[in-house]
Amino acid sequence: MTASSSSRVYDGRPVDDRRADRRAQFIAAGLAVFGEHGYQGSSITGVCKAAGLARAQFYEHFDNREMLLLAVYDLIQADARLAVTEALAAVTDADAATRARIAVRAYAESIGSDPRRARVSFVEIVGVSAGVEKHRVEQREIWVQFFTAELRRTLGQDFVPAGGYRAGATGFIGALMALVHQWSTDDPTGGPAAARAELDDLVEVLTLFLISLM
């Protein structure tokens, strides 16, 4: 190992980069293991095997399995917010109904298209511990703030939905998560075409819900 002016280097790569890569490997392994076998049916040994890394390396990044679950959950939520943000950025001049449809579809496809992400987001994260539940509520609050900011951006800073932002945002987000979870677990007999039709229906229902708040 040699030292450079900015960071340590090992085998030609900065140590910080290698650590970040290993952390990402553990998170990817956590998604696979928790999403396919469930949190309660998982173990650190299983995660390490899926990641192709040593148990000692796991503890360099996470205190326990619960901390890895939170990291996986946070990644899923961050990816979904990025998907919605990028989708809306491409239609800045669209009307409110169009933006609503695009936002709902981007969220649904980001989480619901991968059953593992949906399972972690809507099933495995629930009831693990008081600390995990607190974290889940905090993440939901981020979505409430995201929802509020988008409505104000679309409809103006003076707009207030019926019942206020918190009630409207909480109701919409609850419906959004419930319907995306249902869609992610459905196994339509018509194959991909039926799945797309179900997604279209989901988007339309949630868009009408959102428009009713405007």
N, C-alpha and C. Protein backbone atom coordinates (compact mmCIF):
# COMPACT_ATOMS: atom_id res chain seq x y z
N MET A 1 0.84 -1.18 0.00
CA MET A 1 0.00 0.00 0.00
C MET A 1 0.88 1.24 0.00
N THR A 2 0.57 2.21 -0.80
CA THR A 2 1.33 3.46 -0.84
C THR A 2 0.40 4.61 -0.55
N ALA A 3 0.97 5.74 -0.10
CA ALA A 3 0.17 6.92 0.21
C ALA A 3 0.34 7.94 -0.88
N SER A 4 -0.74 8.54 -1.33
CA SER A 4 -0.68 9.66 -2.27
C SER A 4 -1.02 10.92 -1.51
N SER A 5 -0.97 12.07 -2.20
CA SER A 5 -1.25 13.34 -1.54
C SER A 5 -2.71 13.46 -1.14
N SER A 6 -3.62 12.73 -1.82
CA SER A 6 -5.04 12.88 -1.54
C SER A 6 -5.64 11.70 -0.79
N SER A 7 -5.15 10.48 -1.04
CA SER A 7 -5.71 9.31 -0.37
C SER A 7 -4.76 8.14 -0.50
N ARG A 8 -5.00 7.12 0.30
CA ARG A 8 -4.20 5.91 0.22
C ARG A 8 -4.56 5.13 -1.05
N VAL A 9 -3.57 4.41 -1.57
CA VAL A 9 -3.79 3.64 -2.79
C VAL A 9 -3.37 2.21 -2.53
N TYR A 10 -4.20 1.27 -3.00
CA TYR A 10 -3.88 -0.15 -2.86
C TYR A 10 -4.13 -0.82 -4.20
N ASP A 11 -3.12 -1.52 -4.68
CA ASP A 11 -3.25 -2.23 -5.96
C ASP A 11 -3.73 -1.31 -7.07
N GLY A 12 -3.24 -0.07 -7.04
CA GLY A 12 -3.53 0.86 -8.12
C GLY A 12 -4.83 1.63 -7.98
N ARG A 13 -5.61 1.39 -6.91
CA ARG A 13 -6.89 2.08 -6.74
C ARG A 13 -6.95 2.72 -5.35
N PRO A 14 -7.56 3.90 -5.23
CA PRO A 14 -7.72 4.51 -3.91
C PRO A 14 -8.49 3.60 -2.97
N VAL A 15 -8.05 3.52 -1.73
CA VAL A 15 -8.69 2.66 -0.74
C VAL A 15 -10.15 3.04 -0.55
N ASP A 16 -10.45 4.33 -0.56
CA ASP A 16 -11.84 4.77 -0.38
C ASP A 16 -12.74 4.25 -1.49
N ASP A 17 -12.21 4.19 -2.72
CA ASP A 17 -12.99 3.66 -3.83
C ASP A 17 -13.28 2.17 -3.63
N ARG A 18 -12.29 1.45 -3.16
CA ARG A 18 -12.46 0.01 -2.93
C ARG A 18 -13.48 -0.23 -1.82
N ARG A 19 -13.43 0.60 -0.78
CA ARG A 19 -14.41 0.47 0.30
C ARG A 19 -15.82 0.76 -0.20
N ALA A 20 -15.95 1.80 -1.01
CA ALA A 20 -17.26 2.15 -1.56
C ALA A 20 -17.80 1.02 -2.44
N ASP A 21 -16.91 0.40 -3.20
CA ASP A 21 -17.32 -0.73 -4.05
C ASP A 21 -17.82 -1.89 -3.20
N ARG A 22 -17.10 -2.19 -2.11
CA ARG A 22 -17.51 -3.30 -1.25
C ARG A 22 -18.86 -3.00 -0.59
N ARG A 23 -19.04 -1.76 -0.16
CA ARG A 23 -20.32 -1.40 0.46
C ARG A 23 -21.46 -1.58 -0.55
N ALA A 24 -21.22 -1.15 -1.79
CA ALA A 24 -22.23 -1.32 -2.83
C ALA A 24 -22.51 -2.80 -3.08
N GLN A 25 -21.47 -3.64 -3.03
CA GLN A 25 -21.66 -5.08 -3.21
C GLN A 25 -22.54 -5.66 -2.10
N PHE A 26 -22.31 -5.21 -0.87
CA PHE A 26 -23.12 -5.70 0.24
C PHE A 26 -24.58 -5.25 0.10
N ILE A 27 -24.78 -4.02 -0.34
CA ILE A 27 -26.15 -3.52 -0.51
C ILE A 27 -26.86 -4.29 -1.62
N ALA A 28 -26.16 -4.55 -2.73
CA ALA A 28 -26.75 -5.34 -3.81
C ALA A 28 -27.07 -6.75 -3.32
N ALA A 29 -26.19 -7.32 -2.52
CA ALA A 29 -26.43 -8.65 -1.97
C ALA A 29 -27.60 -8.62 -0.99
N GLY A 30 -27.69 -7.56 -0.21
CA GLY A 30 -28.80 -7.42 0.72
C GLY A 30 -30.13 -7.35 0.00
N LEU A 31 -30.17 -6.60 -1.10
CA LEU A 31 -31.40 -6.53 -1.89
C LEU A 31 -31.79 -7.92 -2.40
N ALA A 32 -30.82 -8.65 -2.89
CA ALA A 32 -31.10 -9.99 -3.42
C ALA A 32 -31.58 -10.94 -2.31
N VAL A 33 -30.88 -10.94 -1.19
CA VAL A 33 -31.21 -11.89 -0.12
C VAL A 33 -32.52 -11.50 0.57
N PHE A 34 -32.66 -10.24 0.97
CA PHE A 34 -33.89 -9.82 1.65
C PHE A 34 -35.09 -9.87 0.70
N GLY A 35 -34.84 -9.52 -0.56
CA GLY A 35 -35.92 -9.49 -1.53
C GLY A 35 -36.39 -10.85 -1.98
N GLU A 36 -35.52 -11.84 -1.89
CA GLU A 36 -35.87 -13.19 -2.35
C GLU A 36 -36.23 -14.13 -1.20
N HIS A 37 -35.59 -13.96 -0.05
CA HIS A 37 -35.80 -14.89 1.06
C HIS A 37 -36.44 -14.24 2.27
N GLY A 38 -36.57 -12.91 2.27
CA GLY A 38 -37.13 -12.21 3.42
C GLY A 38 -36.06 -11.86 4.43
N TYR A 39 -36.31 -10.80 5.19
CA TYR A 39 -35.34 -10.37 6.20
C TYR A 39 -35.19 -11.43 7.29
N GLN A 40 -36.32 -11.95 7.79
CA GLN A 40 -36.26 -12.92 8.88
C GLN A 40 -35.60 -14.22 8.44
N GLY A 41 -35.65 -14.52 7.16
CA GLY A 41 -35.05 -15.75 6.67
C GLY A 41 -33.61 -15.57 6.19
N SER A 42 -33.02 -14.44 6.51
CA SER A 42 -31.67 -14.14 6.03
C SER A 42 -30.66 -14.21 7.17
N SER A 43 -29.40 -14.15 6.80
CA SER A 43 -28.31 -14.13 7.78
C SER A 43 -27.15 -13.34 7.20
N ILE A 44 -26.27 -12.90 8.05
CA ILE A 44 -25.07 -12.19 7.59
C ILE A 44 -24.21 -13.13 6.75
N THR A 45 -24.15 -14.38 7.15
CA THR A 45 -23.39 -15.36 6.37
C THR A 45 -23.93 -15.45 4.95
N GLY A 46 -25.26 -15.50 4.82
CA GLY A 46 -25.87 -15.57 3.50
C GLY A 46 -25.61 -14.33 2.67
N VAL A 47 -25.65 -13.17 3.31
CA VAL A 47 -25.36 -11.92 2.60
C VAL A 47 -23.92 -11.91 2.11
N CYS A 48 -23.00 -12.31 2.98
CA CYS A 48 -21.58 -12.33 2.59
C CYS A 48 -21.35 -13.29 1.43
N LYS A 49 -22.02 -14.42 1.47
CA LYS A 49 -21.87 -15.39 0.37
C LYS A 49 -22.39 -14.79 -0.93
N ALA A 50 -23.54 -14.12 -0.86
CA ALA A 50 -24.10 -13.50 -2.06
C ALA A 50 -23.22 -12.38 -2.59
N ALA A 51 -22.56 -11.66 -1.68
CA ALA A 51 -21.68 -10.56 -2.08
C ALA A 51 -20.31 -11.05 -2.54
N GLY A 52 -19.95 -12.26 -2.15
CA GLY A 52 -18.62 -12.77 -2.46
C GLY A 52 -17.54 -12.09 -1.64
N LEU A 53 -17.91 -11.69 -0.42
CA LEU A 53 -16.98 -10.98 0.46
C LEU A 53 -16.96 -11.65 1.83
N ALA A 54 -15.96 -11.30 2.63
CA ALA A 54 -15.76 -11.92 3.93
C ALA A 54 -16.64 -11.28 5.00
N ARG A 55 -16.92 -12.04 6.03
CA ARG A 55 -17.72 -11.54 7.15
C ARG A 55 -17.05 -10.33 7.81
N ALA A 56 -15.73 -10.38 7.94
CA ALA A 56 -15.00 -9.25 8.54
C ALA A 56 -15.21 -7.99 7.72
N GLN A 57 -15.28 -8.12 6.42
CA GLN A 57 -15.52 -6.95 5.56
C GLN A 57 -16.93 -6.40 5.76
N PHE A 58 -17.89 -7.28 6.05
CA PHE A 58 -19.25 -6.80 6.33
C PHE A 58 -19.23 -5.83 7.50
N TYR A 59 -18.53 -6.19 8.56
CA TYR A 59 -18.52 -5.36 9.77
C TYR A 59 -17.70 -4.09 9.61
N GLU A 60 -16.98 -3.96 8.53
CA GLU A 60 -16.32 -2.68 8.23
C GLU A 60 -17.34 -1.63 7.80
N HIS A 61 -18.51 -2.09 7.36
CA HIS A 61 -19.50 -1.17 6.80
C HIS A 61 -20.81 -1.13 7.59
N PHE A 62 -21.17 -2.22 8.24
CA PHE A 62 -22.46 -2.30 8.92
C PHE A 62 -22.28 -2.94 10.30
N ASP A 63 -22.97 -2.38 11.29
CA ASP A 63 -22.88 -2.94 12.64
C ASP A 63 -23.61 -4.27 12.73
N ASN A 64 -24.67 -4.41 11.95
CA ASN A 64 -25.48 -5.62 12.03
C ASN A 64 -26.35 -5.73 10.77
N ARG A 65 -27.14 -6.78 10.71
CA ARG A 65 -27.99 -7.03 9.55
C ARG A 65 -29.06 -5.94 9.40
N GLU A 66 -29.54 -5.42 10.52
CA GLU A 66 -30.57 -4.38 10.49
C GLU A 66 -30.07 -3.12 9.79
N MET A 67 -28.81 -2.78 10.04
CA MET A 67 -28.24 -1.58 9.40
C MET A 67 -28.13 -1.78 7.89
N LEU A 68 -27.85 -3.00 7.46
CA LEU A 68 -27.82 -3.28 6.03
C LEU A 68 -29.23 -3.15 5.44
N LEU A 69 -30.24 -3.65 6.14
CA LEU A 69 -31.62 -3.51 5.67
C LEU A 69 -31.97 -2.05 5.46
N LEU A 70 -31.59 -1.19 6.38
CA LEU A 70 -31.88 0.24 6.24
C LEU A 70 -31.15 0.82 5.03
N ALA A 71 -29.92 0.39 4.81
CA ALA A 71 -29.16 0.89 3.66
C ALA A 71 -29.82 0.47 2.35
N VAL A 72 -30.30 -0.77 2.29
CA VAL A 72 -31.00 -1.25 1.09
C VAL A 72 -32.28 -0.45 0.89
N TYR A 73 -33.04 -0.27 1.94
CA TYR A 73 -34.30 0.48 1.88
C TYR A 73 -34.06 1.91 1.42
N ASP A 74 -33.05 2.55 1.98
CA ASP A 74 -32.75 3.95 1.61
C ASP A 74 -32.35 4.06 0.14
N LEU A 75 -31.60 3.09 -0.35
CA LEU A 75 -31.20 3.10 -1.76
C LEU A 75 -32.44 3.00 -2.65
N ILE A 76 -33.35 2.11 -2.31
CA ILE A 76 -34.57 1.95 -3.11
C ILE A 76 -35.36 3.26 -3.14
N GLN A 77 -35.50 3.90 -1.98
CA GLN A 77 -36.26 5.15 -1.92
C GLN A 77 -35.55 6.26 -2.69
N ALA A 78 -34.24 6.35 -2.56
CA ALA A 78 -33.48 7.38 -3.27
C ALA A 78 -33.56 7.17 -4.78
N ASP A 79 -33.47 5.92 -5.22
CA ASP A 79 -33.59 5.63 -6.65
C ASP A 79 -34.97 6.02 -7.17
N ALA A 80 -36.01 5.77 -6.38
CA ALA A 80 -37.37 6.12 -6.80
C ALA A 80 -37.53 7.63 -6.89
N ARG A 81 -37.01 8.36 -5.92
CA ARG A 81 -37.11 9.83 -6.00
C ARG A 81 -36.34 10.38 -7.18
N LEU A 82 -35.18 9.79 -7.47
CA LEU A 82 -34.41 10.22 -8.64
C LEU A 82 -35.18 9.92 -9.92
N ALA A 83 -35.81 8.76 -9.99
CA ALA A 83 -36.59 8.41 -11.19
C ALA A 83 -37.72 9.39 -11.41
N VAL A 84 -38.42 9.76 -10.35
CA VAL A 84 -39.52 10.72 -10.46
C VAL A 84 -39.00 12.10 -10.84
N THR A 85 -37.92 12.52 -10.20
CA THR A 85 -37.34 13.84 -10.48
C THR A 85 -36.90 13.95 -11.93
N GLU A 86 -36.21 12.92 -12.44
CA GLU A 86 -35.74 12.95 -13.82
C GLU A 86 -36.90 12.91 -14.81
N ALA A 87 -37.93 12.13 -14.49
CA ALA A 87 -39.09 12.05 -15.38
C ALA A 87 -39.80 13.40 -15.45
N LEU A 88 -39.95 14.06 -14.33
CA LEU A 88 -40.63 15.36 -14.32
C LEU A 88 -39.78 16.45 -14.97
N ALA A 89 -38.47 16.33 -14.85
CA ALA A 89 -37.58 17.33 -15.46
C ALA A 89 -37.69 17.33 -16.97
N ALA A 90 -38.14 16.20 -17.52
CA ALA A 90 -38.26 16.10 -18.99
C ALA A 90 -39.57 16.68 -19.51
N VAL A 91 -40.48 17.05 -18.61
CA VAL A 91 -41.80 17.57 -19.04
C VAL A 91 -42.15 18.83 -18.26
N THR A 92 -41.23 19.75 -18.20
CA THR A 92 -41.43 20.95 -17.38
C THR A 92 -42.61 21.79 -17.84
N ASP A 93 -42.98 21.72 -19.11
CA ASP A 93 -44.07 22.54 -19.63
C ASP A 93 -45.41 21.80 -19.67
N ALA A 94 -45.46 20.58 -19.21
CA ALA A 94 -46.69 19.79 -19.27
C ALA A 94 -47.69 20.27 -18.23
N ASP A 95 -48.98 19.96 -18.48
CA ASP A 95 -50.01 20.36 -17.51
C ASP A 95 -49.95 19.45 -16.29
N ALA A 96 -50.72 19.82 -15.26
CA ALA A 96 -50.65 19.12 -13.98
C ALA A 96 -51.03 17.65 -14.10
N ALA A 97 -52.05 17.33 -14.88
CA ALA A 97 -52.49 15.94 -15.02
C ALA A 97 -51.41 15.09 -15.69
N THR A 98 -50.77 15.63 -16.71
CA THR A 98 -49.70 14.89 -17.39
C THR A 98 -48.53 14.66 -16.46
N ARG A 99 -48.16 15.68 -15.72
CA ARG A 99 -47.05 15.54 -14.77
C ARG A 99 -47.38 14.50 -13.70
N ALA A 100 -48.64 14.48 -13.26
CA ALA A 100 -49.05 13.50 -12.26
C ALA A 100 -48.90 12.09 -12.81
N ARG A 101 -49.36 11.86 -14.03
CA ARG A 101 -49.26 10.52 -14.64
C ARG A 101 -47.79 10.10 -14.76
N ILE A 102 -46.97 11.02 -15.19
CA ILE A 102 -45.56 10.70 -15.40
C ILE A 102 -44.87 10.39 -14.08
N ALA A 103 -45.19 11.16 -13.05
CA ALA A 103 -44.57 10.94 -11.74
C ALA A 103 -44.99 9.60 -11.15
N VAL A 104 -46.27 9.28 -11.24
CA VAL A 104 -46.77 8.02 -10.70
C VAL A 104 -46.13 6.84 -11.44
N ARG A 105 -46.06 6.92 -12.75
CA ARG A 105 -45.47 5.81 -13.53
C ARG A 105 -43.99 5.64 -13.20
N ALA A 106 -43.28 6.74 -13.05
CA ALA A 106 -41.85 6.64 -12.74
C ALA A 106 -41.64 5.97 -11.40
N TYR A 107 -42.44 6.32 -10.40
CA TYR A 107 -42.33 5.69 -9.08
C TYR A 107 -42.67 4.20 -9.17
N ALA A 108 -43.78 3.90 -9.83
CA ALA A 108 -44.23 2.51 -9.92
C ALA A 108 -43.19 1.64 -10.62
N GLU A 109 -42.64 2.13 -11.71
CA GLU A 109 -41.66 1.34 -12.45
C GLU A 109 -40.35 1.20 -11.69
N SER A 110 -39.96 2.24 -10.94
CA SER A 110 -38.71 2.17 -10.19
C SER A 110 -38.76 1.11 -9.11
N ILE A 111 -39.88 1.03 -8.39
CA ILE A 111 -39.98 0.08 -7.28
C ILE A 111 -40.73 -1.19 -7.68
N GLY A 112 -41.87 -1.03 -8.35
CA GLY A 112 -42.73 -2.18 -8.61
C GLY A 112 -42.25 -3.12 -9.69
N SER A 113 -41.40 -2.65 -10.60
CA SER A 113 -40.93 -3.52 -11.68
C SER A 113 -39.96 -4.59 -11.18
N ASP A 114 -39.37 -4.38 -10.02
CA ASP A 114 -38.47 -5.36 -9.42
C ASP A 114 -39.14 -5.86 -8.13
N PRO A 115 -39.69 -7.08 -8.14
CA PRO A 115 -40.38 -7.60 -6.97
C PRO A 115 -39.54 -7.57 -5.70
N ARG A 116 -38.23 -7.65 -5.84
CA ARG A 116 -37.37 -7.62 -4.66
C ARG A 116 -37.41 -6.24 -4.01
N ARG A 117 -37.38 -5.19 -4.83
CA ARG A 117 -37.45 -3.83 -4.29
C ARG A 117 -38.80 -3.59 -3.63
N ALA A 118 -39.85 -4.08 -4.27
CA ALA A 118 -41.18 -3.92 -3.70
C ALA A 118 -41.29 -4.66 -2.37
N ARG A 119 -40.76 -5.86 -2.32
CA ARG A 119 -40.86 -6.65 -1.09
C ARG A 119 -40.13 -5.98 0.06
N VAL A 120 -38.93 -5.48 -0.19
CA VAL A 120 -38.19 -4.78 0.86
C VAL A 120 -38.94 -3.52 1.28
N SER A 121 -39.44 -2.76 0.31
CA SER A 121 -40.07 -1.47 0.59
C SER A 121 -41.38 -1.58 1.34
N PHE A 122 -42.17 -2.61 1.03
CA PHE A 122 -43.54 -2.67 1.53
C PHE A 122 -43.80 -3.80 2.52
N VAL A 123 -42.87 -4.76 2.61
CA VAL A 123 -43.11 -5.90 3.49
C VAL A 123 -41.98 -6.06 4.51
N GLU A 124 -40.76 -6.27 4.03
CA GLU A 124 -39.67 -6.64 4.93
C GLU A 124 -39.26 -5.52 5.89
N ILE A 125 -39.50 -4.29 5.52
CA ILE A 125 -39.10 -3.16 6.35
C ILE A 125 -40.05 -2.94 7.52
N VAL A 126 -41.24 -3.55 7.46
CA VAL A 126 -42.29 -3.29 8.45
C VAL A 126 -42.12 -4.20 9.67
N GLY A 127 -42.15 -3.61 10.86
CA GLY A 127 -42.19 -4.37 12.10
C GLY A 127 -40.91 -5.03 12.53
N VAL A 128 -39.78 -4.63 11.96
CA VAL A 128 -38.51 -5.26 12.32
C VAL A 128 -38.10 -4.87 13.73
N SER A 129 -38.15 -3.58 14.03
CA SER A 129 -37.79 -3.07 15.35
C SER A 129 -38.31 -1.64 15.45
N ALA A 130 -38.28 -1.10 16.66
CA ALA A 130 -38.71 0.29 16.85
C ALA A 130 -37.82 1.24 16.06
N GLY A 131 -36.53 0.96 16.01
CA GLY A 131 -35.61 1.82 15.28
C GLY A 131 -35.86 1.82 13.79
N VAL A 132 -36.12 0.64 13.24
CA VAL A 132 -36.41 0.53 11.80
C VAL A 132 -37.74 1.20 11.49
N GLU A 133 -38.73 1.04 12.37
CA GLU A 133 -40.02 1.66 12.14
C GLU A 133 -39.90 3.19 12.16
N LYS A 134 -39.09 3.71 13.08
CA LYS A 134 -38.86 5.16 13.13
C LYS A 134 -38.22 5.63 11.82
N HIS A 135 -37.27 4.86 11.33
CA HIS A 135 -36.60 5.23 10.08
C HIS A 135 -37.57 5.18 8.91
N ARG A 136 -38.44 4.18 8.88
CA ARG A 136 -39.42 4.08 7.81
C ARG A 136 -40.36 5.29 7.81
N VAL A 137 -40.78 5.72 8.98
CA VAL A 137 -41.65 6.89 9.09
C VAL A 137 -40.91 8.15 8.63
N GLU A 138 -39.63 8.23 8.95
CA GLU A 138 -38.83 9.38 8.51
C GLU A 138 -38.70 9.41 6.99
N GLN A 139 -38.54 8.25 6.38
CA GLN A 139 -38.47 8.19 4.92
C GLN A 139 -39.81 8.59 4.30
N ARG A 140 -40.90 8.17 4.92
CA ARG A 140 -42.22 8.57 4.42
C ARG A 140 -42.38 10.08 4.50
N GLU A 141 -41.82 10.69 5.55
CA GLU A 141 -41.89 12.14 5.69
C GLU A 141 -41.12 12.83 4.56
N ILE A 142 -40.02 12.24 4.13
CA ILE A 142 -39.29 12.79 2.98
C ILE A 142 -40.19 12.79 1.75
N TRP A 143 -40.95 11.70 1.56
CA TRP A 143 -41.88 11.64 0.43
C TRP A 143 -42.99 12.69 0.57
N VAL A 144 -43.46 12.94 1.78
CA VAL A 144 -44.47 13.98 2.01
C VAL A 144 -43.91 15.34 1.59
N GLN A 145 -42.69 15.61 1.97
CA GLN A 145 -42.05 16.88 1.61
C GLN A 145 -41.84 16.97 0.10
N PHE A 146 -41.45 15.85 -0.50
CA PHE A 146 -41.26 15.80 -1.95
C PHE A 146 -42.59 16.09 -2.66
N PHE A 147 -43.65 15.45 -2.22
CA PHE A 147 -44.98 15.64 -2.77
C PHE A 147 -45.42 17.11 -2.63
N THR A 148 -45.21 17.68 -1.44
CA THR A 148 -45.60 19.06 -1.19
C THR A 148 -44.85 20.02 -2.10
N ALA A 149 -43.55 19.82 -2.22
CA ALA A 149 -42.74 20.70 -3.07
C ALA A 149 -43.17 20.62 -4.52
N GLU A 150 -43.49 19.41 -5.00
CA GLU A 150 -43.90 19.26 -6.40
C GLU A 150 -45.25 19.92 -6.65
N LEU A 151 -46.20 19.79 -5.74
CA LEU A 151 -47.49 20.44 -5.91
C LEU A 151 -47.33 21.96 -5.95
N ARG A 152 -46.51 22.48 -5.08
CA ARG A 152 -46.29 23.93 -5.07
C ARG A 152 -45.58 24.40 -6.33
N ARG A 153 -44.65 23.58 -6.82
CA ARG A 153 -43.95 23.94 -8.05
C ARG A 153 -44.91 23.95 -9.23
N THR A 154 -45.85 23.02 -9.23
CA THR A 154 -46.79 22.90 -10.34
C THR A 154 -47.93 23.90 -10.26
N LEU A 155 -48.43 24.13 -9.05
CA LEU A 155 -49.66 24.91 -8.90
C LEU A 155 -49.45 26.27 -8.24
N GLY A 156 -48.23 26.56 -7.82
CA GLY A 156 -47.95 27.86 -7.22
C GLY A 156 -47.80 27.76 -5.71
N GLN A 157 -47.01 28.65 -5.14
CA GLN A 157 -46.70 28.62 -3.72
C GLN A 157 -47.91 28.87 -2.83
N ASP A 158 -48.91 29.54 -3.37
CA ASP A 158 -50.10 29.87 -2.57
C ASP A 158 -51.14 28.76 -2.56
N PHE A 159 -50.95 27.74 -3.40
CA PHE A 159 -51.95 26.67 -3.47
C PHE A 159 -51.90 25.80 -2.22
N VAL A 160 -53.09 25.47 -1.70
CA VAL A 160 -53.21 24.55 -0.57
C VAL A 160 -54.31 23.55 -0.91
N PRO A 161 -54.01 22.24 -0.93
CA PRO A 161 -55.04 21.25 -1.28
C PRO A 161 -56.10 21.14 -0.20
N ALA A 162 -57.24 20.59 -0.56
CA ALA A 162 -58.31 20.37 0.41
C ALA A 162 -57.80 19.52 1.56
N GLY A 163 -58.02 19.99 2.78
CA GLY A 163 -57.54 19.26 3.95
C GLY A 163 -56.11 19.57 4.33
N GLY A 164 -55.42 20.37 3.52
CA GLY A 164 -54.04 20.72 3.81
C GLY A 164 -53.04 19.75 3.21
N TYR A 165 -51.79 20.17 3.18
CA TYR A 165 -50.76 19.36 2.54
C TYR A 165 -50.51 18.03 3.25
N ARG A 166 -50.46 18.05 4.57
CA ARG A 166 -50.11 16.80 5.26
C ARG A 166 -51.16 15.73 5.05
N ALA A 167 -52.43 16.08 5.19
CA ALA A 167 -53.48 15.09 4.99
C ALA A 167 -53.50 14.60 3.54
N GLY A 168 -53.41 15.55 2.60
CA GLY A 168 -53.43 15.17 1.19
C GLY A 168 -52.24 14.31 0.81
N ALA A 169 -51.06 14.72 1.25
CA ALA A 169 -49.84 13.97 0.91
C ALA A 169 -49.85 12.59 1.54
N THR A 170 -50.25 12.50 2.80
CA THR A 170 -50.26 11.20 3.48
C THR A 170 -51.26 10.26 2.83
N GLY A 171 -52.43 10.78 2.48
CA GLY A 171 -53.44 9.94 1.83
C GLY A 171 -52.98 9.45 0.47
N PHE A 172 -52.42 10.35 -0.32
CA PHE A 172 -51.97 9.96 -1.66
C PHE A 172 -50.81 8.98 -1.59
N ILE A 173 -49.85 9.24 -0.72
CA ILE A 173 -48.68 8.36 -0.63
C ILE A 173 -49.09 6.98 -0.14
N GLY A 174 -50.04 6.92 0.79
CA GLY A 174 -50.53 5.63 1.25
C GLY A 174 -51.17 4.84 0.12
N ALA A 175 -51.99 5.51 -0.69
CA ALA A 175 -52.63 4.84 -1.83
C ALA A 175 -51.59 4.43 -2.86
N LEU A 176 -50.64 5.29 -3.12
CA LEU A 176 -49.59 5.01 -4.09
C LEU A 176 -48.82 3.74 -3.70
N MET A 177 -48.38 3.68 -2.46
CA MET A 177 -47.59 2.53 -2.02
C MET A 177 -48.42 1.25 -2.02
N ALA A 178 -49.67 1.34 -1.60
CA ALA A 178 -50.52 0.14 -1.57
C ALA A 178 -50.76 -0.41 -2.96
N LEU A 179 -51.04 0.46 -3.92
CA LEU A 179 -51.34 0.00 -5.27
C LEU A 179 -50.08 -0.50 -5.99
N VAL A 180 -48.96 0.17 -5.78
CA VAL A 180 -47.71 -0.30 -6.39
C VAL A 180 -47.32 -1.66 -5.81
N HIS A 181 -47.50 -1.83 -4.51
CA HIS A 181 -47.22 -3.13 -3.89
C HIS A 181 -48.11 -4.21 -4.50
N GLN A 182 -49.40 -3.92 -4.64
CA GLN A 182 -50.31 -4.90 -5.23
C GLN A 182 -49.89 -5.24 -6.66
N TRP A 183 -49.56 -4.23 -7.44
CA TRP A 183 -49.15 -4.47 -8.83
C TRP A 183 -47.88 -5.31 -8.89
N SER A 184 -46.96 -5.05 -7.97
CA SER A 184 -45.68 -5.77 -8.00
C SER A 184 -45.84 -7.25 -7.69
N THR A 185 -46.90 -7.61 -6.98
CA THR A 185 -47.09 -9.00 -6.59
C THR A 185 -48.07 -9.74 -7.50
N ASP A 186 -48.77 -9.01 -8.36
CA ASP A 186 -49.71 -9.66 -9.27
C ASP A 186 -48.96 -10.50 -10.31
N ASP A 187 -49.60 -11.55 -10.75
CA ASP A 187 -49.02 -12.41 -11.80
C ASP A 187 -50.06 -12.55 -12.91
N PRO A 188 -50.20 -11.51 -13.74
CA PRO A 188 -51.25 -11.54 -14.75
C PRO A 188 -51.06 -12.67 -15.75
N THR A 189 -52.17 -13.36 -16.04
CA THR A 189 -52.09 -14.50 -16.96
C THR A 189 -51.78 -14.07 -18.38
N GLY A 190 -52.01 -12.81 -18.69
CA GLY A 190 -51.76 -12.33 -20.04
C GLY A 190 -50.32 -11.96 -20.30
N GLY A 191 -49.43 -12.17 -19.33
CA GLY A 191 -48.01 -11.87 -19.54
C GLY A 191 -47.71 -10.38 -19.51
N PRO A 192 -46.63 -9.97 -20.19
CA PRO A 192 -46.20 -8.56 -20.16
C PRO A 192 -47.28 -7.58 -20.60
N ALA A 193 -48.08 -7.94 -21.57
CA ALA A 193 -49.12 -7.02 -22.04
C ALA A 193 -50.13 -6.75 -20.94
N ALA A 194 -50.51 -7.80 -20.20
CA ALA A 194 -51.46 -7.64 -19.10
C ALA A 194 -50.84 -6.82 -17.98
N ALA A 195 -49.55 -7.03 -17.73
CA ALA A 195 -48.87 -6.25 -16.69
C ALA A 195 -48.85 -4.77 -17.05
N ARG A 196 -48.61 -4.47 -18.32
CA ARG A 196 -48.62 -3.07 -18.76
C ARG A 196 -50.02 -2.46 -18.63
N ALA A 197 -51.04 -3.27 -18.94
CA ALA A 197 -52.41 -2.78 -18.81
C ALA A 197 -52.74 -2.49 -17.35
N GLU A 198 -52.28 -3.36 -16.45
CA GLU A 198 -52.52 -3.14 -15.03
C GLU A 198 -51.80 -1.89 -14.56
N LEU A 199 -50.58 -1.67 -15.05
CA LEU A 199 -49.86 -0.46 -14.69
C LEU A 199 -50.58 0.77 -15.20
N ASP A 200 -51.10 0.70 -16.42
CA ASP A 200 -51.87 1.83 -16.96
C ASP A 200 -53.07 2.14 -16.07
N ASP A 201 -53.76 1.09 -15.61
CA ASP A 201 -54.91 1.29 -14.73
C ASP A 201 -54.48 1.93 -13.41
N LEU A 202 -53.39 1.42 -12.86
CA LEU A 202 -52.86 1.97 -11.61
C LEU A 202 -52.54 3.45 -11.76
N VAL A 203 -51.85 3.80 -12.83
CA VAL A 203 -51.48 5.19 -13.08
C VAL A 203 -52.72 6.06 -13.20
N GLU A 204 -53.74 5.57 -13.90
CA GLU A 204 -54.94 6.36 -14.09
C GLU A 204 -55.68 6.60 -12.78
N VAL A 205 -55.80 5.56 -11.96
CA VAL A 205 -56.48 5.71 -10.67
C VAL A 205 -55.76 6.71 -9.79
N LEU A 206 -54.45 6.57 -9.68
CA LEU A 206 -53.68 7.47 -8.81
C LEU A 206 -53.64 8.89 -9.36
N THR A 207 -53.64 9.03 -10.68
CA THR A 207 -53.68 10.37 -11.27
C THR A 207 -55.00 11.06 -10.92
N LEU A 208 -56.11 10.33 -11.02
CA LEU A 208 -57.40 10.91 -10.66
C LEU A 208 -57.44 11.29 -9.18
N PHE A 209 -56.85 10.45 -8.36
CA PHE A 209 -56.74 10.74 -6.92
C PHE A 209 -55.98 12.05 -6.72
N LEU A 210 -54.84 12.17 -7.40
CA LEU A 210 -54.02 13.36 -7.22
C LEU A 210 -54.72 14.60 -7.77
N ILE A 211 -55.37 14.48 -8.91
CA ILE A 211 -56.08 15.61 -9.49
C ILE A 211 -57.19 16.09 -8.56
N SER A 212 -57.81 15.15 -7.84
CA SER A 212 -58.90 15.52 -6.92
C SER A 212 -58.40 16.41 -5.79
N LEU A 213 -57.11 16.40 -5.53
CA LEU A 213 -56.54 17.24 -4.48
C LEU A 213 -56.19 18.63 -4.99
N MET A 214 -56.19 18.79 -6.31
CA MET A 214 -55.73 20.05 -6.90
C MET A 214 -56.85 21.07 -7.00
